[in-house]
Amino acid sequence: MNVFLNLLVGIQMLSALAMIGLILIQHGKGADMGAAFGSGSAGSLFGASGSANFLSRTTAVLAAVFFCCTLGLAYLSHSRPAASGGGSLLERAATQPAPAAPAAPASEIPAGAAPSPTPAVPAPAQGGAAQIPSK
């Protein structure tokens, strides 16, 4: 199962990279208009219109391969049993037992000594820094 999953990921990555390359090679819709009036070179390896048909069909096939690999990966990741580590992180955390709480450390304060009281926080003065100054 793991080999099949790695194979799907590899095919998906190769199809994505090939699709990016083919899309960057293709001419835009405005490039044909400029070639019709004589500016730029209309000749190419596949001919004037053969290039667009070949590249666009190849891009469509690669897009279909990418889409099928994506669906296959989504299905395989969803159909894994929870015992093998499948599921989301929250589901796995909910099924694992909580770690035992550490024992409380021994108090360093002697039994006869009382802790010192915390100093009181003074209340803000009326009309002091707590108010926004007005002009």
C-alpha atoms as a PDB file:
ATOM      1  CA  MET A   1       0.000   0.000   0.000  1.00  0.00           C
ATOM      2  CA  ASN A   2       2.841   2.366   0.859  1.00  0.00           C
ATOM      3  CA  VAL A   3       4.551   1.691  -2.500  1.00  0.00           C
ATOM      4  CA  PHE A   4       1.315   2.493  -4.343  1.00  0.00           C
ATOM      5  CA  LEU A   5       0.930   5.707  -2.369  1.00  0.00           C
ATOM      6  CA  ASN A   6       4.502   6.763  -3.200  1.00  0.00           C
ATOM      7  CA  LEU A   7       3.919   5.906  -6.869  1.00  0.00           C
ATOM      8  CA  LEU A   8       0.789   8.085  -6.954  1.00  0.00           C
ATOM      9  CA  VAL A   9       2.647  10.995  -5.352  1.00  0.00           C
ATOM     10  CA  GLY A  10       5.483  10.641  -7.868  1.00  0.00           C
ATOM     11  CA  ILE A  11       3.117  10.585 -10.851  1.00  0.00           C
ATOM     12  CA  GLN A  12       1.257  13.593  -9.465  1.00  0.00           C
ATOM     13  CA  MET A  13       4.470  15.597  -9.037  1.00  0.00           C
ATOM     14  CA  LEU A  14       5.757  14.715 -12.517  1.00  0.00           C
ATOM     15  CA  SER A  15       2.441  15.587 -14.143  1.00  0.00           C
ATOM     16  CA  ALA A  16       2.313  18.891 -12.248  1.00  0.00           C
ATOM     17  CA  LEU A  17       5.836  19.858 -13.328  1.00  0.00           C
ATOM     18  CA  ALA A  18       5.173  18.847 -16.940  1.00  0.00           C
ATOM     19  CA  MET A  19       1.908  20.787 -16.937  1.00  0.00           C
ATOM     20  CA  ILE A  20       3.672  23.912 -15.623  1.00  0.00           C
ATOM     21  CA  GLY A  21       6.290  23.617 -18.362  1.00  0.00           C
ATOM     22  CA  LEU A  22       3.703  23.116 -21.113  1.00  0.00           C
ATOM     23  CA  ILE A  23       1.602  26.044 -19.935  1.00  0.00           C
ATOM     24  CA  LEU A  24       4.638  28.329 -19.940  1.00  0.00           C
ATOM     25  CA  ILE A  25       5.574  27.237 -23.481  1.00  0.00           C
ATOM     26  CA  GLN A  26       2.126  27.947 -24.964  1.00  0.00           C
ATOM     27  CA  HIS A  27       1.336  31.193 -26.719  1.00  0.00           C
ATOM     28  CA  GLY A  28      -1.365  33.461 -25.406  1.00  0.00           C
ATOM     29  CA  LYS A  29      -4.515  34.311 -27.342  1.00  0.00           C
ATOM     30  CA  GLY A  30      -3.115  37.722 -28.283  1.00  0.00           C
ATOM     31  CA  ALA A  31       0.011  36.224 -29.894  1.00  0.00           C
ATOM     32  CA  ASP A  32      -1.977  34.908 -32.875  1.00  0.00           C
ATOM     33  CA  MET A  33      -3.301  38.360 -33.715  1.00  0.00           C
ATOM     34  CA  GLY A  34       0.194  39.819 -33.920  1.00  0.00           C
ATOM     35  CA  ALA A  35       1.388  36.975 -36.149  1.00  0.00           C
ATOM     36  CA  ALA A  36      -1.552  37.497 -38.511  1.00  0.00           C
ATOM     37  CA  PHE A  37      -0.425  41.052 -39.349  1.00  0.00           C
ATOM     38  CA  GLY A  38       3.194  40.107 -39.925  1.00  0.00           C
ATOM     39  CA  SER A  39       4.843  41.058 -36.643  1.00  0.00           C
ATOM     40  CA  GLY A  40       6.792  38.313 -34.928  1.00  0.00           C
ATOM     41  CA  SER A  41       7.498  34.872 -36.296  1.00  0.00           C
ATOM     42  CA  ALA A  42       4.530  32.662 -37.009  1.00  0.00           C
ATOM     43  CA  GLY A  43       6.620  29.569 -37.765  1.00  0.00           C
ATOM     44  CA  SER A  44       7.316  27.042 -35.071  1.00  0.00           C
ATOM     45  CA  LEU A  45       8.345  23.431 -34.700  1.00  0.00           C
ATOM     46  CA  PHE A  46       4.802  22.105 -35.169  1.00  0.00           C
ATOM     47  CA  GLY A  47       3.549  24.732 -37.625  1.00  0.00           C
ATOM     48  CA  ALA A  48       1.345  27.743 -36.966  1.00  0.00           C
ATOM     49  CA  SER A  49      -1.730  25.916 -35.656  1.00  0.00           C
ATOM     50  CA  GLY A  50      -0.277  22.473 -34.922  1.00  0.00           C
ATOM     51  CA  SER A  51       1.604  23.767 -31.911  1.00  0.00           C
ATOM     52  CA  ALA A  52      -1.510  25.045 -30.180  1.00  0.00           C
ATOM     53  CA  ASN A  53      -3.419  21.809 -30.743  1.00  0.00           C
ATOM     54  CA  PHE A  54      -0.576  19.535 -29.613  1.00  0.00           C
ATOM     55  CA  LEU A  55       0.326  21.567 -26.527  1.00  0.00           C
ATOM     56  CA  SER A  56      -3.256  22.175 -25.437  1.00  0.00           C
ATOM     57  CA  ARG A  57      -4.198  18.498 -25.829  1.00  0.00           C
ATOM     58  CA  THR A  58      -1.100  17.367 -23.959  1.00  0.00           C
ATOM     59  CA  THR A  59      -1.894  19.860 -21.182  1.00  0.00           C
ATOM     60  CA  ALA A  60      -5.449  18.517 -20.980  1.00  0.00           C
ATOM     61  CA  VAL A  61      -4.190  14.916 -20.692  1.00  0.00           C
ATOM     62  CA  LEU A  62      -1.707  15.890 -17.972  1.00  0.00           C
ATOM     63  CA  ALA A  63      -4.442  17.789 -16.124  1.00  0.00           C
ATOM     64  CA  ALA A  64      -6.630  14.655 -16.205  1.00  0.00           C
ATOM     65  CA  VAL A  65      -3.730  12.526 -14.870  1.00  0.00           C
ATOM     66  CA  PHE A  66      -3.094  15.074 -12.097  1.00  0.00           C
ATOM     67  CA  PHE A  67      -6.788  15.132 -11.191  1.00  0.00           C
ATOM     68  CA  CYS A  68      -7.012  11.316 -11.060  1.00  0.00           C
ATOM     69  CA  CYS A  69      -3.893  11.103  -8.873  1.00  0.00           C
ATOM     70  CA  THR A  70      -5.320  13.733  -6.540  1.00  0.00           C
ATOM     71  CA  LEU A  71      -8.592  11.824  -6.197  1.00  0.00           C
ATOM     72  CA  GLY A  72      -6.701   8.574  -5.591  1.00  0.00           C
ATOM     73  CA  LEU A  73      -4.529  10.149  -2.903  1.00  0.00           C
ATOM     74  CA  ALA A  74      -7.564  11.672  -1.210  1.00  0.00           C
ATOM     75  CA  TYR A  75      -9.343   8.320  -1.218  1.00  0.00           C
ATOM     76  CA  LEU A  76      -6.332   6.438   0.129  1.00  0.00           C
ATOM     77  CA  SER A  77      -5.690   8.944   2.897  1.00  0.00           C
ATOM     78  CA  HIS A  78      -9.342   8.850   3.979  1.00  0.00           C
ATOM     79  CA  SER A  79      -9.733   5.066   3.870  1.00  0.00           C
ATOM     80  CA  ARG A  80      -6.821   4.284   6.226  1.00  0.00           C
ATOM     81  CA  PRO A  81      -7.908   2.642   9.460  1.00  0.00           C
ATOM     82  CA  ALA A  82      -7.415   4.679  12.620  1.00  0.00           C
ATOM     83  CA  ALA A  83      -5.187   2.000  14.175  1.00  0.00           C
ATOM     84  CA  SER A  84      -2.486   2.521  11.539  1.00  0.00           C
ATOM     85  CA  GLY A  85      -2.141   6.204  12.299  1.00  0.00           C
ATOM     86  CA  GLY A  86      -4.857   7.477   9.970  1.00  0.00           C
ATOM     87  CA  GLY A  87      -7.213  10.265  10.835  1.00  0.00           C
ATOM     88  CA  SER A  88      -6.531  13.806  11.841  1.00  0.00           C
ATOM     89  CA  LEU A  89      -4.191  14.906  14.591  1.00  0.00           C
ATOM     90  CA  LEU A  90      -7.119  15.811  16.823  1.00  0.00           C
ATOM     91  CA  GLU A  91      -8.650  12.350  16.437  1.00  0.00           C
ATOM     92  CA  ARG A  92      -5.326  10.685  17.273  1.00  0.00           C
ATOM     93  CA  ALA A  93      -4.837  12.949  20.301  1.00  0.00           C
ATOM     94  CA  ALA A  94      -8.343  12.134  21.559  1.00  0.00           C
ATOM     95  CA  THR A  95      -7.731   8.382  21.411  1.00  0.00           C
ATOM     96  CA  GLN A  96      -4.365   8.489  23.203  1.00  0.00           C
ATOM     97  CA  PRO A  97      -4.456   8.453  27.007  1.00  0.00           C
ATOM     98  CA  ALA A  98      -3.389  11.632  28.726  1.00  0.00           C
ATOM     99  CA  PRO A  99       0.077  11.511  30.307  1.00  0.00           C
ATOM    100  CA  ALA A 100       0.145  11.091  34.061  1.00  0.00           C
ATOM    101  CA  ALA A 101       0.539  14.333  35.984  1.00  0.00           C
ATOM    102  CA  PRO A 102       3.899  14.657  37.718  1.00  0.00           C
ATOM    103  CA  ALA A 103       3.942  14.455  41.497  1.00  0.00           C
ATOM    104  CA  ALA A 104       3.758  17.786  43.280  1.00  0.00           C
ATOM    105  CA  PRO A 105       7.221  18.969  44.350  1.00  0.00           C
ATOM    106  CA  ALA A 106       7.947  19.069  48.034  1.00  0.00           C
ATOM    107  CA  SER A 107       7.404  22.465  49.583  1.00  0.00           C
ATOM    108  CA  GLU A 108      10.592  24.373  50.307  1.00  0.00           C
ATOM    109  CA  ILE A 109       8.903  26.549  52.923  1.00  0.00           C
ATOM    110  CA  PRO A 110       9.330  25.280  56.482  1.00  0.00           C
ATOM    111  CA  ALA A 111       6.116  24.222  58.184  1.00  0.00           C
ATOM    112  CA  GLY A 112       6.334  26.881  60.908  1.00  0.00           C
ATOM    113  CA  ALA A 113       7.014  29.845  58.618  1.00  0.00           C
ATOM    114  CA  ALA A 114       4.089  31.700  57.114  1.00  0.00           C
ATOM    115  CA  PRO A 115       4.412  33.022  53.589  1.00  0.00           C
ATOM    116  CA  SER A 116       4.887  36.749  53.278  1.00  0.00           C
ATOM    117  CA  PRO A 117       1.782  38.663  52.209  1.00  0.00           C
ATOM    118  CA  THR A 118       1.706  39.944  48.645  1.00  0.00           C
ATOM    119  CA  PRO A 119       1.975  43.699  48.298  1.00  0.00           C
ATOM    120  CA  ALA A 120      -1.282  45.440  47.521  1.00  0.00           C
ATOM    121  CA  VAL A 121      -1.568  47.074  44.116  1.00  0.00           C
ATOM    122  CA  PRO A 122      -2.535  50.744  44.507  1.00  0.00           C
ATOM    123  CA  ALA A 123      -5.694  51.865  42.750  1.00  0.00           C
ATOM    124  CA  PRO A 124      -5.215  54.371  39.911  1.00  0.00           C
ATOM    125  CA  ALA A 125      -5.627  57.962  40.987  1.00  0.00           C
ATOM    126  CA  GLN A 126      -8.661  59.899  39.892  1.00  0.00           C
ATOM    127  CA  GLY A 127      -7.900  61.982  36.817  1.00  0.00           C
ATOM    128  CA  GLY A 128      -4.438  60.442  36.510  1.00  0.00           C
ATOM    129  CA  ALA A 129      -2.760  58.396  33.814  1.00  0.00           C
ATOM    130  CA  ALA A 130      -5.766  56.094  33.450  1.00  0.00           C
ATOM    131  CA  GLN A 131      -7.727  58.780  31.620  1.00  0.00           C
ATOM    132  CA  ILE A 132      -7.203  59.965  28.075  1.00  0.00           C
ATOM    133  CA  PRO A 133      -6.209  63.621  28.050  1.00  0.00           C
ATOM    134  CA  SER A 134      -8.587  65.922  26.202  1.00  0.00           C
ATOM    135  CA  LYS A 135      -7.560  69.026  24.305  1.00  0.00           C
END
